């Protein structure tokens, strides 16, 4: 599978094969810089993309509430 770029909540996620697995680079538009996620699972791209979306959600929304209401 070839490299591809997707957009999630204004962040670009670049995915590319990396060894036996995948490498994702999340480009942070407001802060500059990027975050890199990797795995060694040949069919692990969907799980890694879900992790990238969760990472972006936490950056934008903050951590989930950890206490009882």
Protein backbone atom coordinates (compact mmCIF):
# COMPACT_ATOMS: atom_id res chain seq x y z
CA UNK A 1 0.00 0.00 0.00
CA UNK A 2 1.29 3.48 -0.84
CA UNK A 3 1.65 6.47 1.45
CA UNK A 4 -1.42 8.63 1.92
CA UNK A 5 -2.56 11.73 3.76
CA UNK A 6 -5.84 12.22 5.59
CA UNK A 7 -7.25 15.22 7.45
CA UNK A 8 -8.85 14.86 10.89
CA UNK A 9 -10.09 17.92 12.78
CA UNK A 10 -7.70 20.18 10.91
CA UNK A 11 -4.65 17.96 11.49
CA UNK A 12 -2.90 16.15 8.65
CA UNK A 13 -2.11 12.49 9.23
CA UNK A 14 0.53 11.10 6.86
CA UNK A 15 0.62 7.30 6.76
CA UNK A 16 3.31 5.21 5.09
CA UNK A 17 4.54 1.62 5.19
CA UNK A 18 7.48 1.27 7.59
CA UNK A 19 9.30 -2.05 7.73
CA UNK A 20 6.71 -4.75 8.47
CA UNK A 21 4.20 -2.20 9.83
CA UNK A 22 3.21 1.46 9.53
CA UNK A 23 4.39 4.94 10.45
CA UNK A 24 2.01 7.86 10.96
CA UNK A 25 3.06 11.47 11.25
CA UNK A 26 0.52 13.85 12.77
CA UNK A 27 1.21 17.44 11.73
CA UNK A 28 0.16 19.90 14.44
CA UNK A 29 -1.08 23.00 12.60
CA UNK A 30 -1.26 25.51 15.45
CA UNK A 31 1.74 24.44 17.48
CA UNK A 32 4.02 23.45 14.64
CA UNK A 33 6.01 20.28 14.85
CA UNK A 34 4.61 16.80 14.60
CA UNK A 35 4.02 13.54 16.44
CA UNK A 36 5.09 10.16 15.07
CA UNK A 37 3.33 6.86 15.79
CA UNK A 38 4.63 3.48 14.62
CA UNK A 39 3.69 -0.17 14.78
CA UNK A 40 5.08 -3.44 13.45
CA UNK A 41 1.76 -4.98 12.43
CA UNK A 42 1.34 -5.44 8.65
CA UNK A 43 -2.45 -5.00 8.85
CA UNK A 44 -2.38 -2.56 11.76
CA UNK A 45 -3.11 0.66 9.89
CA UNK A 46 -6.77 0.97 11.03
CA UNK A 47 -5.77 0.62 14.70
CA UNK A 48 -2.92 3.10 14.33
CA UNK A 49 -5.23 5.62 12.62
CA UNK A 50 -7.70 5.24 15.51
CA UNK A 51 -4.87 5.94 17.95
CA UNK A 52 -3.88 9.03 15.95
CA UNK A 53 -7.48 10.33 16.03
CA UNK A 54 -7.63 9.75 19.80
CA UNK A 55 -4.34 11.63 20.21
CA UNK A 56 -5.75 14.59 18.24
CA UNK A 57 -8.98 14.51 20.25
CA UNK A 58 -7.00 14.71 23.49
CA UNK A 59 -4.94 17.62 22.17
CA UNK A 60 -8.04 19.58 21.17
CA UNK A 61 -10.51 18.57 23.88
CA UNK A 62 -8.23 17.82 26.83
CA UNK A 63 -8.17 14.59 28.80
CA UNK A 64 -11.39 12.77 29.59
CA UNK A 65 -12.99 13.53 32.94
CA UNK A 66 -11.50 11.15 35.52
CA UNK A 67 -13.77 11.79 38.52
CA UNK A 68 -17.34 11.07 39.51
CA UNK A 69 -19.76 13.96 38.83
